[in-house]
């Protein structure tokens, strides 16, 4: 059985909030510094505009996120899924806008456009993944960026 209860807060956040030392994991793995690049599949041409557009989402958001230390080399796949979800949400929303909220069903009656559920699913995915990267105002409220001279950032946890 998996872990129960709320997911643990990041070590850096606990330390910044002044948690007791025994509640802070000093051995939490820290990704090495390095350039963050989008995975190749994000830019692959699958016959749609998805790749280019998902890559455009990456190029718009990733530089700031990397600068703030929110996006590391370990996070590229999850962030790429977020970028892909943004594009698919846009596509589903465009389909709803094009065909309407109600569409003709098999029996000729009006039914809810199935693209509404697709758009809702992608919006939910964006919300869940985006929260991990602080992509909403309420998510950012819980993140405190501390700048200093420590090259690996570990010292800031215990000052």
N, C-alpha and C. Protein backbone atom coordinates (compact mmCIF):
# COMPACT_ATOMS: atom_id res chain seq x y z
N UNK A 1 0.84 -1.17 0.00
CA UNK A 1 0.00 0.00 0.00
C UNK A 1 0.89 1.24 0.00
N UNK A 2 0.46 2.26 -0.68
CA UNK A 2 1.25 3.49 -0.80
C UNK A 2 1.18 4.35 0.45
N UNK A 3 1.88 5.44 0.39
CA UNK A 3 1.94 6.39 1.49
C UNK A 3 0.57 7.05 1.66
N UNK A 4 0.16 7.23 2.90
CA UNK A 4 -1.11 7.88 3.20
C UNK A 4 -0.88 9.31 3.66
N UNK A 5 -1.92 10.09 3.57
CA UNK A 5 -1.85 11.46 4.05
C UNK A 5 -1.31 12.40 2.99
N UNK A 6 -1.14 13.65 3.36
CA UNK A 6 -0.66 14.62 2.38
C UNK A 6 0.78 14.32 1.96
N UNK A 7 1.11 14.69 0.73
CA UNK A 7 2.47 14.45 0.29
C UNK A 7 3.41 15.38 1.06
N UNK A 8 4.63 14.91 1.32
CA UNK A 8 5.56 15.72 2.10
C UNK A 8 5.97 17.00 1.36
N UNK A 9 6.18 18.04 2.16
CA UNK A 9 6.66 19.30 1.57
C UNK A 9 8.14 19.15 1.24
N UNK A 10 8.61 19.87 0.24
CA UNK A 10 10.04 19.81 -0.09
C UNK A 10 10.90 20.24 1.10
N UNK A 11 12.07 19.64 1.19
CA UNK A 11 13.01 19.94 2.28
C UNK A 11 13.33 21.44 2.33
N UNK A 12 13.58 22.02 1.19
CA UNK A 12 13.93 23.45 1.17
C UNK A 12 12.81 24.29 1.76
N UNK A 13 11.58 23.94 1.43
CA UNK A 13 10.44 24.69 1.95
C UNK A 13 10.31 24.50 3.47
N UNK A 14 10.49 23.28 3.94
CA UNK A 14 10.44 23.04 5.39
C UNK A 14 11.48 23.88 6.12
N UNK A 15 12.70 23.90 5.57
CA UNK A 15 13.79 24.64 6.21
C UNK A 15 13.49 26.13 6.23
N UNK A 16 12.96 26.64 5.12
CA UNK A 16 12.65 28.07 5.05
C UNK A 16 11.52 28.45 6.00
N UNK A 17 10.64 27.51 6.27
CA UNK A 17 9.54 27.78 7.20
C UNK A 17 9.97 27.63 8.65
N UNK A 18 11.20 27.18 8.87
CA UNK A 18 11.72 27.07 10.24
C UNK A 18 11.37 25.77 10.93
N UNK A 19 11.20 24.70 10.15
CA UNK A 19 10.89 23.40 10.74
C UNK A 19 12.03 22.94 11.64
N UNK A 20 11.70 22.10 12.62
CA UNK A 20 12.72 21.55 13.52
C UNK A 20 13.71 20.73 12.70
N UNK A 21 14.99 20.73 13.08
CA UNK A 21 16.02 20.00 12.31
C UNK A 21 15.70 18.53 12.07
N UNK A 22 15.06 17.85 13.05
CA UNK A 22 14.75 16.43 12.86
C UNK A 22 13.65 16.20 11.83
N UNK A 23 12.93 17.26 11.45
CA UNK A 23 11.89 17.15 10.42
C UNK A 23 12.44 17.44 9.02
N UNK A 24 13.72 17.83 8.94
CA UNK A 24 14.34 18.18 7.67
C UNK A 24 15.23 17.03 7.22
N UNK A 25 15.08 16.62 5.99
CA UNK A 25 15.89 15.54 5.44
C UNK A 25 17.18 16.13 4.85
N UNK A 26 18.29 16.03 5.56
CA UNK A 26 19.54 16.59 5.04
C UNK A 26 20.11 15.77 3.88
N UNK A 27 19.57 14.57 3.66
CA UNK A 27 20.08 13.68 2.62
C UNK A 27 19.19 13.66 1.38
N UNK A 28 18.28 14.61 1.30
CA UNK A 28 17.42 14.65 0.12
C UNK A 28 18.28 14.84 -1.13
N UNK A 29 18.04 14.05 -2.17
CA UNK A 29 18.86 14.20 -3.38
C UNK A 29 18.63 15.57 -4.03
N UNK A 30 19.70 16.15 -4.51
CA UNK A 30 19.64 17.45 -5.17
C UNK A 30 20.17 17.26 -6.59
N UNK A 31 19.37 17.60 -7.59
CA UNK A 31 19.84 17.45 -8.97
C UNK A 31 21.08 18.30 -9.23
N UNK A 32 21.97 17.78 -10.07
CA UNK A 32 23.17 18.54 -10.41
C UNK A 32 22.78 19.73 -11.28
N UNK A 33 23.58 20.74 -11.19
CA UNK A 33 23.33 21.93 -12.01
C UNK A 33 23.69 21.60 -13.45
N UNK A 34 22.98 22.17 -14.35
CA UNK A 34 23.26 21.95 -15.76
C UNK A 34 22.13 22.52 -16.58
N UNK A 35 22.38 22.62 -17.86
CA UNK A 35 21.37 23.15 -18.75
C UNK A 35 20.18 22.20 -18.83
N UNK A 36 19.02 22.79 -18.91
CA UNK A 36 17.78 22.04 -19.03
C UNK A 36 17.31 22.16 -20.47
N UNK A 37 17.10 21.01 -21.11
CA UNK A 37 16.66 21.00 -22.50
C UNK A 37 15.36 20.21 -22.62
N UNK A 38 14.46 20.63 -23.52
CA UNK A 38 13.23 19.87 -23.70
C UNK A 38 13.54 18.50 -24.30
N UNK A 39 12.76 17.47 -23.94
CA UNK A 39 12.99 16.16 -24.54
C UNK A 39 12.68 16.21 -26.04
N UNK A 40 13.32 15.34 -26.80
CA UNK A 40 13.18 15.35 -28.26
C UNK A 40 11.73 15.14 -28.69
N UNK A 41 10.99 14.30 -27.96
CA UNK A 41 9.62 14.01 -28.38
C UNK A 41 8.72 15.23 -28.32
N UNK A 42 9.09 16.22 -27.53
CA UNK A 42 8.26 17.42 -27.43
C UNK A 42 8.24 18.19 -28.74
N UNK A 43 9.32 18.11 -29.47
CA UNK A 43 9.42 18.85 -30.73
C UNK A 43 9.21 17.95 -31.94
N UNK A 44 8.89 16.66 -31.71
CA UNK A 44 8.75 15.75 -32.84
C UNK A 44 7.53 16.12 -33.67
N UNK A 45 7.63 15.88 -34.95
CA UNK A 45 6.54 16.21 -35.88
C UNK A 45 5.65 14.98 -36.01
N UNK A 46 4.45 15.06 -35.45
CA UNK A 46 3.52 13.93 -35.53
C UNK A 46 2.37 14.22 -36.51
N UNK A 47 2.58 15.18 -37.39
CA UNK A 47 1.55 15.51 -38.36
C UNK A 47 0.58 16.58 -37.88
N UNK A 48 0.74 17.03 -36.65
CA UNK A 48 -0.09 18.10 -36.12
C UNK A 48 0.83 19.24 -35.71
N UNK A 49 0.22 20.31 -35.24
CA UNK A 49 1.03 21.42 -34.75
C UNK A 49 1.38 21.25 -33.28
N UNK A 50 1.05 20.09 -32.68
CA UNK A 50 1.26 19.87 -31.26
C UNK A 50 2.71 20.06 -30.83
N UNK A 51 3.64 19.46 -31.57
CA UNK A 51 5.04 19.53 -31.17
C UNK A 51 5.56 20.95 -31.13
N UNK A 52 5.37 21.69 -32.20
CA UNK A 52 5.86 23.06 -32.25
C UNK A 52 5.20 23.91 -31.17
N UNK A 53 3.92 23.73 -30.97
CA UNK A 53 3.22 24.54 -30.00
C UNK A 53 3.62 24.15 -28.57
N UNK A 54 3.78 22.85 -28.29
CA UNK A 54 4.23 22.42 -26.97
C UNK A 54 5.64 22.94 -26.70
N UNK A 55 6.45 22.93 -27.73
CA UNK A 55 7.80 23.47 -27.58
C UNK A 55 7.75 24.98 -27.34
N UNK A 56 6.79 25.66 -27.96
CA UNK A 56 6.62 27.10 -27.71
C UNK A 56 6.23 27.36 -26.26
N UNK A 57 5.37 26.50 -25.69
CA UNK A 57 5.01 26.64 -24.27
C UNK A 57 6.26 26.45 -23.42
N UNK A 58 7.06 25.43 -23.75
CA UNK A 58 8.31 25.19 -23.04
C UNK A 58 9.20 26.42 -23.10
N UNK A 59 9.39 26.94 -24.31
CA UNK A 59 10.30 28.08 -24.50
C UNK A 59 9.81 29.34 -23.79
N UNK A 60 8.51 29.45 -23.60
CA UNK A 60 7.96 30.62 -22.91
C UNK A 60 8.16 30.52 -21.40
N UNK A 61 8.01 29.34 -20.82
CA UNK A 61 8.02 29.19 -19.37
C UNK A 61 9.35 28.70 -18.78
N UNK A 62 10.02 27.81 -19.48
CA UNK A 62 11.19 27.13 -18.91
C UNK A 62 12.33 28.07 -18.49
N UNK A 63 12.68 29.10 -19.27
CA UNK A 63 13.81 29.93 -18.84
C UNK A 63 13.64 30.54 -17.44
N UNK A 64 12.48 31.11 -17.17
CA UNK A 64 12.25 31.68 -15.83
C UNK A 64 12.25 30.61 -14.76
N UNK A 65 11.64 29.47 -15.06
CA UNK A 65 11.57 28.39 -14.07
C UNK A 65 12.96 27.84 -13.76
N UNK A 66 13.79 27.73 -14.77
CA UNK A 66 15.15 27.25 -14.55
C UNK A 66 15.95 28.26 -13.74
N UNK A 67 15.79 29.54 -14.05
CA UNK A 67 16.50 30.59 -13.31
C UNK A 67 16.13 30.56 -11.83
N UNK A 68 14.87 30.31 -11.53
CA UNK A 68 14.41 30.28 -10.14
C UNK A 68 14.70 28.96 -9.45
N UNK A 69 15.24 27.98 -10.18
CA UNK A 69 15.57 26.70 -9.59
C UNK A 69 14.40 25.76 -9.45
N UNK A 70 13.29 26.08 -10.09
CA UNK A 70 12.10 25.24 -10.01
C UNK A 70 12.15 24.11 -11.04
N UNK A 71 12.82 24.34 -12.15
CA UNK A 71 12.94 23.35 -13.21
C UNK A 71 14.39 22.89 -13.29
N UNK A 72 14.61 21.60 -13.06
CA UNK A 72 15.95 21.03 -13.11
C UNK A 72 15.99 19.94 -14.18
N UNK A 73 17.16 19.38 -14.38
CA UNK A 73 17.31 18.32 -15.38
C UNK A 73 16.47 17.09 -15.02
N UNK A 74 16.15 16.91 -13.77
CA UNK A 74 15.33 15.78 -13.36
C UNK A 74 13.85 16.00 -13.70
N UNK A 75 13.46 17.23 -13.94
CA UNK A 75 12.05 17.57 -14.10
C UNK A 75 11.59 17.69 -15.55
N UNK A 76 12.49 17.51 -16.50
CA UNK A 76 12.14 17.84 -17.89
C UNK A 76 10.98 17.02 -18.43
N UNK A 77 10.91 15.74 -18.11
CA UNK A 77 9.82 14.93 -18.67
C UNK A 77 8.46 15.34 -18.11
N UNK A 78 8.40 15.58 -16.80
CA UNK A 78 7.13 16.00 -16.22
C UNK A 78 6.71 17.37 -16.73
N UNK A 79 7.67 18.28 -16.87
CA UNK A 79 7.33 19.60 -17.40
C UNK A 79 6.92 19.51 -18.86
N UNK A 80 7.53 18.60 -19.63
CA UNK A 80 7.14 18.40 -21.03
C UNK A 80 5.70 17.88 -21.11
N UNK A 81 5.31 17.02 -20.18
CA UNK A 81 3.93 16.54 -20.14
C UNK A 81 2.99 17.72 -19.87
N UNK A 82 3.40 18.62 -18.98
CA UNK A 82 2.61 19.83 -18.72
C UNK A 82 2.45 20.64 -20.01
N UNK A 83 3.54 20.86 -20.73
CA UNK A 83 3.48 21.65 -21.97
C UNK A 83 2.56 20.99 -22.99
N UNK A 84 2.63 19.67 -23.09
CA UNK A 84 1.77 18.92 -24.00
C UNK A 84 0.30 19.04 -23.57
N UNK A 85 0.05 19.01 -22.26
CA UNK A 85 -1.32 19.16 -21.75
C UNK A 85 -1.88 20.53 -22.09
N UNK A 86 -1.06 21.56 -22.02
CA UNK A 86 -1.50 22.91 -22.37
C UNK A 86 -2.00 22.93 -23.81
N UNK A 87 -1.22 22.32 -24.70
CA UNK A 87 -1.58 22.31 -26.12
C UNK A 87 -2.86 21.50 -26.35
N UNK A 88 -2.96 20.34 -25.72
CA UNK A 88 -4.14 19.51 -25.91
C UNK A 88 -5.39 20.16 -25.31
N UNK A 89 -5.21 20.89 -24.23
CA UNK A 89 -6.34 21.64 -23.66
C UNK A 89 -6.81 22.71 -24.65
N UNK A 90 -5.85 23.41 -25.24
CA UNK A 90 -6.20 24.43 -26.24
C UNK A 90 -6.95 23.82 -27.41
N UNK A 91 -6.48 22.66 -27.88
CA UNK A 91 -7.12 22.00 -29.02
C UNK A 91 -8.55 21.57 -28.68
N UNK A 92 -8.73 20.99 -27.49
CA UNK A 92 -10.08 20.57 -27.08
C UNK A 92 -10.98 21.78 -26.91
N UNK A 93 -10.47 22.85 -26.33
CA UNK A 93 -11.27 24.07 -26.15
C UNK A 93 -11.64 24.68 -27.50
N UNK A 94 -10.73 24.62 -28.46
CA UNK A 94 -11.03 25.13 -29.80
C UNK A 94 -12.13 24.30 -30.45
N UNK A 95 -12.12 23.00 -30.21
CA UNK A 95 -13.16 22.12 -30.75
C UNK A 95 -14.51 22.46 -30.13
N UNK A 96 -14.53 22.74 -28.84
CA UNK A 96 -15.78 23.15 -28.19
C UNK A 96 -16.25 24.47 -28.77
N UNK A 97 -15.34 25.40 -28.97
CA UNK A 97 -15.71 26.70 -29.53
C UNK A 97 -16.23 26.55 -30.96
N UNK A 98 -15.64 25.64 -31.71
CA UNK A 98 -16.04 25.44 -33.10
C UNK A 98 -17.41 24.75 -33.22
N UNK A 99 -17.62 23.70 -32.42
CA UNK A 99 -18.84 22.90 -32.55
C UNK A 99 -19.92 23.26 -31.53
N UNK A 100 -19.52 23.93 -30.45
CA UNK A 100 -20.49 24.31 -29.42
C UNK A 100 -20.48 23.37 -28.24
N UNK A 101 -21.14 23.80 -27.17
CA UNK A 101 -21.19 23.01 -25.95
C UNK A 101 -22.06 21.78 -26.15
N UNK A 102 -23.13 21.93 -26.91
CA UNK A 102 -24.01 20.81 -27.22
C UNK A 102 -23.83 20.43 -28.68
N UNK A 103 -23.79 19.11 -28.93
CA UNK A 103 -23.67 18.60 -30.30
C UNK A 103 -24.76 17.56 -30.52
N UNK A 104 -24.99 17.23 -31.77
CA UNK A 104 -26.02 16.24 -32.09
C UNK A 104 -25.51 14.85 -31.75
N UNK A 105 -26.33 14.11 -31.00
CA UNK A 105 -25.99 12.75 -30.61
C UNK A 105 -26.37 11.75 -31.68
N UNK A 106 -26.19 10.46 -31.41
CA UNK A 106 -26.48 9.40 -32.37
C UNK A 106 -27.96 9.35 -32.75
N UNK A 107 -28.81 9.71 -31.84
CA UNK A 107 -30.26 9.66 -32.09
C UNK A 107 -30.82 11.00 -32.55
N UNK A 108 -29.95 11.93 -32.82
CA UNK A 108 -30.40 13.23 -33.29
C UNK A 108 -30.71 14.22 -32.18
N UNK A 109 -30.60 13.79 -30.94
CA UNK A 109 -30.84 14.69 -29.82
C UNK A 109 -29.56 15.43 -29.46
N UNK A 110 -29.69 16.49 -28.68
CA UNK A 110 -28.51 17.24 -28.26
C UNK A 110 -27.86 16.57 -27.05
N UNK A 111 -26.54 16.45 -27.12
CA UNK A 111 -25.76 15.89 -26.01
C UNK A 111 -24.57 16.80 -25.74
N UNK A 112 -24.00 16.63 -24.57
CA UNK A 112 -22.82 17.41 -24.22
C UNK A 112 -21.67 17.04 -25.15
N UNK A 113 -20.98 18.04 -25.65
CA UNK A 113 -19.84 17.83 -26.53
C UNK A 113 -18.76 17.04 -25.78
N UNK A 114 -18.34 15.88 -26.29
CA UNK A 114 -17.30 15.09 -25.61
C UNK A 114 -15.99 15.86 -25.44
N UNK A 115 -15.74 16.85 -26.27
CA UNK A 115 -14.52 17.64 -26.15
C UNK A 115 -14.49 18.42 -24.83
N UNK A 116 -15.67 18.66 -24.24
CA UNK A 116 -15.70 19.33 -22.93
C UNK A 116 -14.98 18.50 -21.88
N UNK A 117 -15.21 17.18 -21.89
CA UNK A 117 -14.55 16.31 -20.92
C UNK A 117 -13.05 16.25 -21.17
N UNK A 118 -12.67 16.22 -22.44
CA UNK A 118 -11.25 16.20 -22.78
C UNK A 118 -10.59 17.49 -22.27
N UNK A 119 -11.23 18.62 -22.52
CA UNK A 119 -10.69 19.91 -22.06
C UNK A 119 -10.59 19.92 -20.53
N UNK A 120 -11.62 19.40 -19.86
CA UNK A 120 -11.61 19.36 -18.39
C UNK A 120 -10.49 18.46 -17.88
N UNK A 121 -10.30 17.31 -18.52
CA UNK A 121 -9.24 16.39 -18.09
C UNK A 121 -7.86 17.04 -18.23
N UNK A 122 -7.64 17.72 -19.35
CA UNK A 122 -6.34 18.38 -19.53
C UNK A 122 -6.17 19.57 -18.60
N UNK A 123 -7.26 20.28 -18.31
CA UNK A 123 -7.16 21.39 -17.35
C UNK A 123 -6.80 20.85 -15.97
N UNK A 124 -7.37 19.71 -15.60
CA UNK A 124 -7.05 19.09 -14.31
C UNK A 124 -5.58 18.65 -14.29
N UNK A 125 -5.12 18.05 -15.39
CA UNK A 125 -3.72 17.63 -15.46
C UNK A 125 -2.79 18.84 -15.35
N UNK A 126 -3.13 19.92 -16.05
CA UNK A 126 -2.32 21.13 -15.98
C UNK A 126 -2.27 21.66 -14.55
N UNK A 127 -3.40 21.64 -13.88
CA UNK A 127 -3.46 22.14 -12.51
C UNK A 127 -2.59 21.30 -11.57
N UNK A 128 -2.70 19.97 -11.69
CA UNK A 128 -1.93 19.09 -10.80
C UNK A 128 -0.43 19.19 -11.07
N UNK A 129 -0.04 19.14 -12.33
CA UNK A 129 1.39 19.22 -12.65
C UNK A 129 1.91 20.63 -12.41
N UNK A 130 1.14 21.63 -12.80
CA UNK A 130 1.55 23.02 -12.62
C UNK A 130 1.80 23.36 -11.16
N UNK A 131 1.02 22.75 -10.25
CA UNK A 131 1.20 23.01 -8.83
C UNK A 131 2.59 22.58 -8.36
N UNK A 132 3.11 21.53 -8.95
CA UNK A 132 4.45 21.05 -8.56
C UNK A 132 5.54 22.02 -8.97
N UNK A 133 5.23 22.85 -9.97
CA UNK A 133 6.21 23.82 -10.46
C UNK A 133 5.88 25.25 -10.02
N UNK A 134 4.83 25.43 -9.22
CA UNK A 134 4.47 26.76 -8.75
C UNK A 134 3.90 27.64 -9.85
N UNK A 135 3.07 27.06 -10.72
CA UNK A 135 2.58 27.80 -11.88
C UNK A 135 1.25 28.51 -11.66
N UNK A 136 0.79 28.61 -10.44
CA UNK A 136 -0.38 29.44 -10.16
C UNK A 136 -0.04 30.37 -8.99
N UNK A 137 -0.75 31.47 -8.85
CA UNK A 137 -0.44 32.40 -7.75
C UNK A 137 -0.48 31.73 -6.38
N UNK A 138 -1.46 30.86 -6.14
CA UNK A 138 -1.53 30.23 -4.82
C UNK A 138 -0.39 29.24 -4.62
N UNK A 139 0.03 28.56 -5.68
CA UNK A 139 1.17 27.65 -5.56
C UNK A 139 2.46 28.42 -5.31
N UNK A 140 2.62 29.56 -5.97
CA UNK A 140 3.83 30.37 -5.77
C UNK A 140 3.88 30.96 -4.37
N UNK A 141 2.73 31.16 -3.74
CA UNK A 141 2.71 31.74 -2.40
C UNK A 141 3.45 30.86 -1.41
N UNK A 142 3.54 29.55 -1.69
CA UNK A 142 4.23 28.64 -0.78
C UNK A 142 5.70 28.46 -1.10
N UNK A 143 6.20 29.14 -2.12
CA UNK A 143 7.61 29.00 -2.51
C UNK A 143 8.35 30.27 -2.16
N UNK A 144 9.49 30.11 -1.52
CA UNK A 144 10.30 31.25 -1.13
C UNK A 144 11.67 31.09 -1.78
N UNK A 145 11.99 31.94 -2.71
CA UNK A 145 13.27 31.89 -3.40
C UNK A 145 14.28 32.70 -2.60
N UNK A 146 15.39 32.05 -2.22
CA UNK A 146 16.45 32.71 -1.48
C UNK A 146 17.69 32.71 -2.34
N UNK A 147 18.24 33.88 -2.56
CA UNK A 147 19.45 33.97 -3.37
C UNK A 147 20.64 34.18 -2.46
N UNK A 148 21.76 33.57 -2.81
CA UNK A 148 22.96 33.71 -1.99
C UNK A 148 24.18 33.26 -2.75
N UNK A 149 25.29 33.12 -2.01
CA UNK A 149 26.56 32.76 -2.62
C UNK A 149 26.80 31.26 -2.63
N UNK A 150 25.96 30.48 -1.98
CA UNK A 150 26.18 29.04 -1.87
C UNK A 150 25.94 28.38 -3.23
N UNK A 151 26.95 27.79 -3.85
CA UNK A 151 26.79 27.25 -5.19
C UNK A 151 25.82 26.08 -5.29
N UNK A 152 25.74 25.22 -4.27
CA UNK A 152 24.82 24.10 -4.39
C UNK A 152 23.50 24.35 -3.68
N UNK A 153 23.34 25.45 -3.02
CA UNK A 153 22.08 25.82 -2.41
C UNK A 153 21.79 25.12 -1.10
N UNK A 154 22.60 24.17 -0.68
CA UNK A 154 22.31 23.39 0.52
C UNK A 154 22.44 24.23 1.79
N UNK A 155 23.38 25.15 1.82
CA UNK A 155 23.63 25.94 3.01
C UNK A 155 22.42 26.77 3.41
N UNK A 156 21.65 27.22 2.45
CA UNK A 156 20.49 28.06 2.77
C UNK A 156 19.44 27.33 3.59
N UNK A 157 19.45 26.00 3.55
CA UNK A 157 18.47 25.24 4.32
C UNK A 157 18.72 25.32 5.81
N UNK A 158 19.96 25.56 6.22
CA UNK A 158 20.30 25.45 7.63
C UNK A 158 20.88 26.71 8.23
N UNK A 159 20.64 27.86 7.62
CA UNK A 159 21.16 29.11 8.18
C UNK A 159 20.15 29.75 9.09
